Amino acid sequence: MGVFGPAHAQDAASGRARAQPCVVCHGPLGLSTMPDTPHLAGQPAIYLAAQLRAYRSGARKHEVMAVMARPLTDADIEQLAAWFASIRVEAKEP
């Protein structure tokens, strides 16, 4: 079921542990530290999973992400998507 059902909280906890390689570019809480790298925190899990699958298959091109996504299993992708989707992001007026 993963990011699409009741296992979401368990997947998010597993995803947090699995996300250590992502921290370098996307930050420890999914907030990028690099100007050309997107924030992942708060993105919908279904979107994140689709993008990771596209990188893994080669349908979406990015030199670094292709290498990072290639070894991911479907379970890894669901867990990573659940983790980043679970991070709450709030906007505040200046």
PDB file of N, CA and C in Angstrom:
ATOM      1  N   MET A   1       0.811  -1.202   0.000  1.00  0.00           N
ATOM      2  CA  MET A   1       0.000   0.000   0.000  1.00  0.00           C
ATOM      3  C   MET A   1       0.849   1.259   0.000  1.00  0.00           C
ATOM      4  N   GLY A   2       1.873   1.314   0.843  1.00  0.00           N
ATOM      5  CA  GLY A   2       2.820   2.413   0.819  1.00  0.00           C
ATOM      6  C   GLY A   2       2.193   3.791   0.938  1.00  0.00           C
ATOM      7  N   VAL A   3       2.671   4.721   0.116  1.00  0.00           N
ATOM      8  CA  VAL A   3       2.265   6.116   0.213  1.00  0.00           C
ATOM      9  C   VAL A   3       0.802   6.321  -0.139  1.00  0.00           C
ATOM     10  N   PHE A   4       0.137   5.285  -0.604  1.00  0.00           N
ATOM     11  CA  PHE A   4      -1.239   5.424  -1.029  1.00  0.00           C
ATOM     12  C   PHE A   4      -2.217   4.810  -0.043  1.00  0.00           C
ATOM     13  N   GLY A   5      -1.765   4.375   1.132  1.00  0.00           N
ATOM     14  CA  GLY A   5      -2.667   3.730   2.063  1.00  0.00           C
ATOM     15  C   GLY A   5      -2.192   3.825   3.495  1.00  0.00           C
ATOM     16  N   PRO A   6      -2.701   2.929   4.368  1.00  0.00           N
ATOM     17  CA  PRO A   6      -2.454   3.007   5.797  1.00  0.00           C
ATOM     18  C   PRO A   6      -1.007   2.854   6.231  1.00  0.00           C
ATOM     19  N   ALA A   7      -0.163   2.304   5.408  1.00  0.00           N
ATOM     20  CA  ALA A   7       1.231   2.114   5.810  1.00  0.00           C
ATOM     21  C   ALA A   7       2.026   3.415   5.736  1.00  0.00           C
ATOM     22  N   HIS A   8       1.390   4.514   5.428  1.00  0.00           N
ATOM     23  CA  HIS A   8       2.069   5.792   5.209  1.00  0.00           C
ATOM     24  C   HIS A   8       3.016   6.175   6.353  1.00  0.00           C
ATOM     25  N   ALA A   9       2.578   6.118   7.600  1.00  0.00           N
ATOM     26  CA  ALA A   9       3.423   6.528   8.729  1.00  0.00           C
ATOM     27  C   ALA A   9       4.641   5.623   8.859  1.00  0.00           C
ATOM     28  N   GLN A  10       4.442   4.338   8.700  1.00  0.00           N
ATOM     29  CA  GLN A  10       5.556   3.397   8.761  1.00  0.00           C
ATOM     30  C   GLN A  10       6.515   3.651   7.603  1.00  0.00           C
ATOM     31  N   ASP A  11       5.974   3.884   6.420  1.00  0.00           N
ATOM     32  CA  ASP A  11       6.805   4.180   5.260  1.00  0.00           C
ATOM     33  C   ASP A  11       7.605   5.459   5.475  1.00  0.00           C
ATOM     34  N   ALA A  12       6.993   6.468   6.071  1.00  0.00           N
ATOM     35  CA  ALA A  12       7.687   7.732   6.307  1.00  0.00           C
ATOM     36  C   ALA A  12       8.876   7.526   7.240  1.00  0.00           C
ATOM     37  N   ALA A  13       8.704   6.727   8.291  1.00  0.00           N
ATOM     38  CA  ALA A  13       9.809   6.456   9.217  1.00  0.00           C
ATOM     39  C   ALA A  13      10.935   5.717   8.504  1.00  0.00           C
ATOM     40  N   SER A  14      10.590   4.744   7.697  1.00  0.00           N
ATOM     41  CA  SER A  14      11.597   4.006   6.928  1.00  0.00           C
ATOM     42  C   SER A  14      12.245   4.914   5.898  1.00  0.00           C
ATOM     43  N   GLY A  15      11.448   5.766   5.282  1.00  0.00           N
ATOM     44  CA  GLY A  15      11.959   6.695   4.284  1.00  0.00           C
ATOM     45  C   GLY A  15      12.946   7.683   4.865  1.00  0.00           C
ATOM     46  N   ARG A  16      12.692   8.115   6.085  1.00  0.00           N
ATOM     47  CA  ARG A  16      13.618   9.064   6.724  1.00  0.00           C
ATOM     48  C   ARG A  16      15.003   8.441   6.854  1.00  0.00           C
ATOM     49  N   ALA A  17      15.034   7.183   7.264  1.00  0.00           N
ATOM     50  CA  ALA A  17      16.311   6.488   7.390  1.00  0.00           C
ATOM     51  C   ALA A  17      16.961   6.294   6.016  1.00  0.00           C
ATOM     52  N   ARG A  18      16.153   6.008   5.016  1.00  0.00           N
ATOM     53  CA  ARG A  18      16.644   5.744   3.662  1.00  0.00           C
ATOM     54  C   ARG A  18      17.100   7.028   2.958  1.00  0.00           C
ATOM     55  N   ALA A  19      16.676   8.190   3.440  1.00  0.00           N
ATOM     56  CA  ALA A  19      16.934   9.466   2.770  1.00  0.00           C
ATOM     57  C   ALA A  19      18.305  10.064   3.060  1.00  0.00           C
ATOM     58  N   GLN A  20      19.151   9.394   3.787  1.00  0.00           N
ATOM     59  CA  GLN A  20      20.449   9.979   4.129  1.00  0.00           C
ATOM     60  C   GLN A  20      21.250  10.445   2.912  1.00  0.00           C
ATOM     61  N   PRO A  21      21.281   9.684   1.807  1.00  0.00           N
ATOM     62  CA  PRO A  21      22.022  10.179   0.640  1.00  0.00           C
ATOM     63  C   PRO A  21      21.406  11.450   0.026  1.00  0.00           C
ATOM     64  N   CYS A  22      20.129  11.678   0.265  1.00  0.00           N
ATOM     65  CA  CYS A  22      19.427  12.835  -0.309  1.00  0.00           C
ATOM     66  C   CYS A  22      19.816  14.139   0.385  1.00  0.00           C
ATOM     67  N   VAL A  23      20.285  14.017   1.629  1.00  0.00           N
ATOM     68  CA  VAL A  23      20.568  15.170   2.480  1.00  0.00           C
ATOM     69  C   VAL A  23      21.594  16.109   1.862  1.00  0.00           C
ATOM     70  N   VAL A  24      22.559  15.567   1.158  1.00  0.00           N
ATOM     71  CA  VAL A  24      23.640  16.383   0.601  1.00  0.00           C
ATOM     72  C   VAL A  24      23.090  17.519  -0.266  1.00  0.00           C
ATOM     73  N   CYS A  25      22.126  17.206  -1.114  1.00  0.00           N
ATOM     74  CA  CYS A  25      21.580  18.218  -2.026  1.00  0.00           C
ATOM     75  C   CYS A  25      20.235  18.785  -1.570  1.00  0.00           C
ATOM     76  N   HIS A  26      19.387  17.929  -0.993  1.00  0.00           N
ATOM     77  CA  HIS A  26      18.018  18.341  -0.667  1.00  0.00           C
ATOM     78  C   HIS A  26      17.834  18.739   0.797  1.00  0.00           C
ATOM     79  N   GLY A  27      18.887  18.663   1.602  1.00  0.00           N
ATOM     80  CA  GLY A  27      18.828  19.070   2.998  1.00  0.00           C
ATOM     81  C   GLY A  27      18.226  17.995   3.893  1.00  0.00           C
ATOM     82  N   PRO A  28      18.524  18.027   5.198  1.00  0.00           N
ATOM     83  CA  PRO A  28      18.058  16.996   6.125  1.00  0.00           C
ATOM     84  C   PRO A  28      16.542  16.937   6.297  1.00  0.00           C
ATOM     85  N   LEU A  29      15.868  18.037   6.028  1.00  0.00           N
ATOM     86  CA  LEU A  29      14.408  18.055   6.122  1.00  0.00           C
ATOM     87  C   LEU A  29      13.765  18.370   4.776  1.00  0.00           C
ATOM     88  N   GLY A  30      14.482  18.036   3.697  1.00  0.00           N
ATOM     89  CA  GLY A  30      13.909  18.216   2.368  1.00  0.00           C
ATOM     90  C   GLY A  30      13.879  19.644   1.879  1.00  0.00           C
ATOM     91  N   LEU A  31      14.580  20.526   2.563  1.00  0.00           N
ATOM     92  CA  LEU A  31      14.677  21.925   2.138  1.00  0.00           C
ATOM     93  C   LEU A  31      16.075  22.125   1.573  1.00  0.00           C
ATOM     94  N   SER A  32      16.136  22.286   0.282  1.00  0.00           N
ATOM     95  CA  SER A  32      17.396  22.326  -0.443  1.00  0.00           C
ATOM     96  C   SER A  32      18.331  23.409   0.063  1.00  0.00           C
ATOM     97  N   THR A  33      19.603  23.080   0.041  1.00  0.00           N
ATOM     98  CA  THR A  33      20.632  24.049   0.409  1.00  0.00           C
ATOM     99  C   THR A  33      21.345  24.584  -0.832  1.00  0.00           C
ATOM    100  N   MET A  34      20.902  24.137  -2.002  1.00  0.00           N
ATOM    101  CA  MET A  34      21.540  24.527  -3.255  1.00  0.00           C
ATOM    102  C   MET A  34      20.527  25.240  -4.147  1.00  0.00           C
ATOM    103  N   PRO A  35      20.920  26.330  -4.789  1.00  0.00           N
ATOM    104  CA  PRO A  35      19.951  27.125  -5.563  1.00  0.00           C
ATOM    105  C   PRO A  35      19.328  26.402  -6.760  1.00  0.00           C
ATOM    106  N   ASP A  36      19.982  25.381  -7.290  1.00  0.00           N
ATOM    107  CA  ASP A  36      19.436  24.681  -8.459  1.00  0.00           C
ATOM    108  C   ASP A  36      18.867  23.302  -8.118  1.00  0.00           C
ATOM    109  N   THR A  37      18.595  23.081  -6.837  1.00  0.00           N
ATOM    110  CA  THR A  37      18.044  21.804  -6.370  1.00  0.00           C
ATOM    111  C   THR A  37      16.696  22.070  -5.703  1.00  0.00           C
ATOM    112  N   PRO A  38      15.659  21.341  -6.089  1.00  0.00           N
ATOM    113  CA  PRO A  38      14.321  21.619  -5.546  1.00  0.00           C
ATOM    114  C   PRO A  38      14.140  21.153  -4.107  1.00  0.00           C
ATOM    115  N   HIS A  39      13.245  21.832  -3.426  1.00  0.00           N
ATOM    116  CA  HIS A  39      12.801  21.375  -2.103  1.00  0.00           C
ATOM    117  C   HIS A  39      11.913  20.151  -2.309  1.00  0.00           C
ATOM    118  N   LEU A  40      12.037  19.165  -1.446  1.00  0.00           N
ATOM    119  CA  LEU A  40      11.189  17.971  -1.510  1.00  0.00           C
ATOM    120  C   LEU A  40      10.155  17.964  -0.389  1.00  0.00           C
ATOM    121  N   ALA A  41      10.424  18.665   0.684  1.00  0.00           N
ATOM    122  CA  ALA A  41       9.514  18.695   1.838  1.00  0.00           C
ATOM    123  C   ALA A  41       8.132  19.164   1.436  1.00  0.00           C
ATOM    124  N   GLY A  42       7.125  18.413   1.850  1.00  0.00           N
ATOM    125  CA  GLY A  42       5.744  18.809   1.626  1.00  0.00           C
ATOM    126  C   GLY A  42       5.200  18.526   0.235  1.00  0.00           C
ATOM    127  N   GLN A  43       6.030  18.026  -0.657  1.00  0.00           N
ATOM    128  CA  GLN A  43       5.530  17.683  -1.997  1.00  0.00           C
ATOM    129  C   GLN A  43       4.605  16.461  -1.870  1.00  0.00           C
ATOM    130  N   PRO A  44       3.588  16.353  -2.712  1.00  0.00           N
ATOM    131  CA  PRO A  44       2.705  15.179  -2.649  1.00  0.00           C
ATOM    132  C   PRO A  44       3.477  13.887  -2.916  1.00  0.00           C
ATOM    133  N   ALA A  45       3.204  12.867  -2.123  1.00  0.00           N
ATOM    134  CA  ALA A  45       3.898  11.589  -2.253  1.00  0.00           C
ATOM    135  C   ALA A  45       3.733  11.004  -3.653  1.00  0.00           C
ATOM    136  N   ILE A  46       2.558  11.114  -4.213  1.00  0.00           N
ATOM    137  CA  ILE A  46       2.324  10.548  -5.542  1.00  0.00           C
ATOM    138  C   ILE A  46       3.216  11.218  -6.584  1.00  0.00           C
ATOM    139  N   TYR A  47       3.441  12.511  -6.458  1.00  0.00           N
ATOM    140  CA  TYR A  47       4.328  13.251  -7.363  1.00  0.00           C
ATOM    141  C   TYR A  47       5.777  12.816  -7.170  1.00  0.00           C
ATOM    142  N   LEU A  48       6.221  12.767  -5.917  1.00  0.00           N
ATOM    143  CA  LEU A  48       7.604  12.382  -5.642  1.00  0.00           C
ATOM    144  C   LEU A  48       7.897  10.978  -6.143  1.00  0.00           C
ATOM    145  N   ALA A  49       6.982  10.048  -5.890  1.00  0.00           N
ATOM    146  CA  ALA A  49       7.172   8.669  -6.341  1.00  0.00           C
ATOM    147  C   ALA A  49       7.251   8.603  -7.861  1.00  0.00           C
ATOM    148  N   ALA A  50       6.399   9.337  -8.535  1.00  0.00           N
ATOM    149  CA  ALA A  50       6.406   9.338 -10.005  1.00  0.00           C
ATOM    150  C   ALA A  50       7.722   9.883 -10.543  1.00  0.00           C
ATOM    151  N   GLN A  51       8.244  10.931  -9.918  1.00  0.00           N
ATOM    152  CA  GLN A  51       9.497  11.523 -10.384  1.00  0.00           C
ATOM    153  C   GLN A  51      10.671  10.573 -10.148  1.00  0.00           C
ATOM    154  N   LEU A  52      10.705   9.922  -8.990  1.00  0.00           N
ATOM    155  CA  LEU A  52      11.779   8.963  -8.725  1.00  0.00           C
ATOM    156  C   LEU A  52      11.731   7.793  -9.702  1.00  0.00           C
ATOM    157  N   ARG A  53      10.533   7.323 -10.004  1.00  0.00           N
ATOM    158  CA  ARG A  53      10.402   6.234 -10.987  1.00  0.00           C
ATOM    159  C   ARG A  53      10.856   6.694 -12.378  1.00  0.00           C
ATOM    160  N   ALA A  54      10.564   7.936 -12.714  1.00  0.00           N
ATOM    161  CA  ALA A  54      10.992   8.473 -14.012  1.00  0.00           C
ATOM    162  C   ALA A  54      12.516   8.597 -14.080  1.00  0.00           C
ATOM    163  N   TYR A  55      13.149   9.030 -13.009  1.00  0.00           N
ATOM    164  CA  TYR A  55      14.616   9.073 -12.980  1.00  0.00           C
ATOM    165  C   TYR A  55      15.179   7.660 -13.084  1.00  0.00           C
ATOM    166  N   ARG A  56      14.582   6.727 -12.342  1.00  0.00           N
ATOM    167  CA  ARG A  56      15.070   5.342 -12.333  1.00  0.00           C
ATOM    168  C   ARG A  56      14.995   4.723 -13.726  1.00  0.00           C
ATOM    169  N   SER A  57      13.926   4.976 -14.444  1.00  0.00           N
ATOM    170  CA  SER A  57      13.744   4.382 -15.769  1.00  0.00           C
ATOM    171  C   SER A  57      14.511   5.119 -16.866  1.00  0.00           C
ATOM    172  N   GLY A  58      14.926   6.336 -16.579  1.00  0.00           N
ATOM    173  CA  GLY A  58      15.596   7.147 -17.589  1.00  0.00           C
ATOM    174  C   GLY A  58      14.641   8.046 -18.360  1.00  0.00           C
ATOM    175  N   ALA A  59      13.341   7.976 -18.055  1.00  0.00           N
ATOM    176  CA  ALA A  59      12.365   8.834 -18.724  1.00  0.00           C
ATOM    177  C   ALA A  59      12.591  10.303 -18.366  1.00  0.00           C
ATOM    178  N   ARG A  60      13.065  10.551 -17.160  1.00  0.00           N
ATOM    179  CA  ARG A  60      13.436  11.908 -16.756  1.00  0.00           C
ATOM    180  C   ARG A  60      14.950  11.925 -16.608  1.00  0.00           C
ATOM    181  N   LYS A  61      15.589  12.910 -17.196  1.00  0.00           N
ATOM    182  CA  LYS A  61      17.046  12.963 -17.258  1.00  0.00           C
ATOM    183  C   LYS A  61      17.636  13.933 -16.242  1.00  0.00           C
ATOM    184  N   HIS A  62      18.606  13.439 -15.508  1.00  0.00           N
ATOM    185  CA  HIS A  62      19.447  14.259 -14.634  1.00  0.00           C
ATOM    186  C   HIS A  62      20.603  13.355 -14.234  1.00  0.00           C
ATOM    187  N   GLU A  63      21.811  13.795 -14.495  1.00  0.00           N
ATOM    188  CA  GLU A  63      22.984  12.951 -14.302  1.00  0.00           C
ATOM    189  C   GLU A  63      23.075  12.372 -12.885  1.00  0.00           C
ATOM    190  N   VAL A  64      22.930  13.206 -11.877  1.00  0.00           N
ATOM    191  CA  VAL A  64      23.059  12.745 -10.497  1.00  0.00           C
ATOM    192  C   VAL A  64      21.841  11.927 -10.076  1.00  0.00           C
ATOM    193  N   MET A  65      20.653  12.420 -10.372  1.00  0.00           N
ATOM    194  CA  MET A  65      19.438  11.709  -9.947  1.00  0.00           C
ATOM    195  C   MET A  65      19.310  10.340 -10.618  1.00  0.00           C
ATOM    196  N   ALA A  66      19.795  10.194 -11.834  1.00  0.00           N
ATOM    197  CA  ALA A  66      19.756   8.892 -12.495  1.00  0.00           C
ATOM    198  C   ALA A  66      20.577   7.876 -11.700  1.00  0.00           C
ATOM    199  N   VAL A  67      21.737   8.292 -11.245  1.00  0.00           N
ATOM    200  CA  VAL A  67      22.606   7.411 -10.455  1.00  0.00           C
ATOM    201  C   VAL A  67      21.955   7.107  -9.106  1.00  0.00           C
ATOM    202  N   MET A  68      21.356   8.115  -8.488  1.00  0.00           N
ATOM    203  CA  MET A  68      20.743   7.929  -7.165  1.00  0.00           C
ATOM    204  C   MET A  68      19.498   7.038  -7.240  1.00  0.00           C
ATOM    205  N   ALA A  69      18.706   7.191  -8.288  1.00  0.00           N
ATOM    206  CA  ALA A  69      17.423   6.482  -8.378  1.00  0.00           C
ATOM    207  C   ALA A  69      17.540   5.073  -8.949  1.00  0.00           C
ATOM    208  N   ARG A  70      18.546   4.817  -9.745  1.00  0.00           N
ATOM    209  CA  ARG A  70      18.664   3.527 -10.423  1.00  0.00           C
ATOM    210  C   ARG A  70      18.556   2.326  -9.483  1.00  0.00           C
ATOM    211  N   PRO A  71      19.210   2.315  -8.320  1.00  0.00           N
ATOM    212  CA  PRO A  71      19.124   1.127  -7.460  1.00  0.00           C
ATOM    213  C   PRO A  71      17.877   1.063  -6.563  1.00  0.00           C
ATOM    214  N   LEU A  72      17.037   2.080  -6.587  1.00  0.00           N
ATOM    215  CA  LEU A  72      15.868   2.111  -5.695  1.00  0.00           C
ATOM    216  C   LEU A  72      14.825   1.074  -6.102  1.00  0.00           C
ATOM    217  N   THR A  73      14.296   0.376  -5.110  1.00  0.00           N
ATOM    218  CA  THR A  73      13.180  -0.533  -5.346  1.00  0.00           C
ATOM    219  C   THR A  73      11.883   0.272  -5.272  1.00  0.00           C
ATOM    220  N   ASP A  74      10.786  -0.350  -5.673  1.00  0.00           N
ATOM    221  CA  ASP A  74       9.493   0.326  -5.538  1.00  0.00           C
ATOM    222  C   ASP A  74       9.217   0.653  -4.078  1.00  0.00           C
ATOM    223  N   ALA A  75       9.578  -0.247  -3.166  1.00  0.00           N
ATOM    224  CA  ALA A  75       9.372   0.009  -1.733  1.00  0.00           C
ATOM    225  C   ALA A  75      10.212   1.194  -1.269  1.00  0.00           C
ATOM    226  N   ASP A  76      11.470   1.265  -1.715  1.00  0.00           N
ATOM    227  CA  ASP A  76      12.328   2.412  -1.371  1.00  0.00           C
ATOM    228  C   ASP A  76      11.681   3.714  -1.826  1.00  0.00           C
ATOM    229  N   ILE A  77      11.176   3.716  -3.044  1.00  0.00           N
ATOM    230  CA  ILE A  77      10.556   4.920  -3.610  1.00  0.00           C
ATOM    231  C   ILE A  77       9.329   5.320  -2.803  1.00  0.00           C
ATOM    232  N   GLU A  78       8.491   4.371  -2.449  1.00  0.00           N
ATOM    233  CA  GLU A  78       7.307   4.687  -1.640  1.00  0.00           C
ATOM    234  C   GLU A  78       7.704   5.254  -0.286  1.00  0.00           C
ATOM    235  N   GLN A  79       8.732   4.675   0.318  1.00  0.00           N
ATOM    236  CA  GLN A  79       9.178   5.145   1.630  1.00  0.00           C
ATOM    237  C   GLN A  79       9.764   6.541   1.552  1.00  0.00           C
ATOM    238  N   LEU A  80      10.596   6.794   0.561  1.00  0.00           N
ATOM    239  CA  LEU A  80      11.158   8.141   0.397  1.00  0.00           C
ATOM    240  C   LEU A  80      10.065   9.167   0.124  1.00  0.00           C
ATOM    241  N   ALA A  81       9.134   8.825  -0.741  1.00  0.00           N
ATOM    242  CA  ALA A  81       8.034   9.741  -1.055  1.00  0.00           C
ATOM    243  C   ALA A  81       7.193  10.017   0.190  1.00  0.00           C
ATOM    244  N   ALA A  82       6.937   8.990   0.973  1.00  0.00           N
ATOM    245  CA  ALA A  82       6.150   9.159   2.199  1.00  0.00           C
ATOM    246  C   ALA A  82       6.876  10.074   3.186  1.00  0.00           C
ATOM    247  N   TRP A  83       8.181   9.900   3.322  1.00  0.00           N
ATOM    248  CA  TRP A  83       8.953  10.736   4.245  1.00  0.00           C
ATOM    249  C   TRP A  83       8.901  12.205   3.843  1.00  0.00           C
ATOM    250  N   PHE A  84       9.267  12.500   2.607  1.00  0.00           N
ATOM    251  CA  PHE A  84       9.305  13.903   2.204  1.00  0.00           C
ATOM    252  C   PHE A  84       7.908  14.526   2.194  1.00  0.00           C
ATOM    253  N   ALA A  85       6.898  13.756   1.849  1.00  0.00           N
ATOM    254  CA  ALA A  85       5.518  14.269   1.867  1.00  0.00           C
ATOM    255  C   ALA A  85       5.036  14.539   3.285  1.00  0.00           C
ATOM    256  N   SER A  86       5.576  13.816   4.253  1.00  0.00           N
ATOM    257  CA  SER A  86       5.123  13.972   5.640  1.00  0.00           C
ATOM    258  C   SER A  86       5.683  15.215   6.326  1.00  0.00           C
ATOM    259  N   ILE A  87       6.683  15.835   5.733  1.00  0.00           N
ATOM    260  CA  ILE A  87       7.295  17.022   6.339  1.00  0.00           C
ATOM    261  C   ILE A  87       6.381  18.213   6.111  1.00  0.00           C
ATOM    262  N   ARG A  88       5.994  18.829   7.179  1.00  0.00           N
ATOM    263  CA  ARG A  88       5.069  19.966   7.093  1.00  0.00           C
ATOM    264  C   ARG A  88       5.836  21.244   6.752  1.00  0.00           C
ATOM    265  N   VAL A  89       5.345  21.947   5.768  1.00  0.00           N
ATOM    266  CA  VAL A  89       5.945  23.209   5.348  1.00  0.00           C
ATOM    267  C   VAL A  89       4.874  24.281   5.489  1.00  0.00           C
ATOM    268  N   GLU A  90       5.230  25.375   6.150  1.00  0.00           N
ATOM    269  CA  GLU A  90       4.277  26.473   6.349  1.00  0.00           C
ATOM    270  C   GLU A  90       4.814  27.752   5.727  1.00  0.00           C
ATOM    271  N   ALA A  91       3.941  28.500   5.124  1.00  0.00           N
ATOM    272  CA  ALA A  91       4.296  29.809   4.585  1.00  0.00           C
ATOM    273  C   ALA A  91       3.816  30.871   5.570  1.00  0.00           C
ATOM    274  N   LYS A  92       4.628  31.871   5.759  1.00  0.00           N
ATOM    275  CA  LYS A  92       4.265  32.966   6.636  1.00  0.00           C
ATOM    276  C   LYS A  92       4.430  34.274   5.897  1.00  0.00           C
ATOM    277  N   GLU A  93       3.565  35.215   6.197  1.00  0.00           N
ATOM    278  CA  GLU A  93       3.715  36.529   5.597  1.00  0.00           C
ATOM    279  C   GLU A  93       4.940  37.212   6.188  1.00  0.00           C
ATOM    280  N   PRO A  94       5.630  37.989   5.366  1.00  0.00           N
ATOM    281  CA  PRO A  94       6.829  38.696   5.870  1.00  0.00           C
ATOM    282  C   PRO A  94       6.470  39.749   6.892  1.00  0.00           C
TER     283      PRO A  94
END
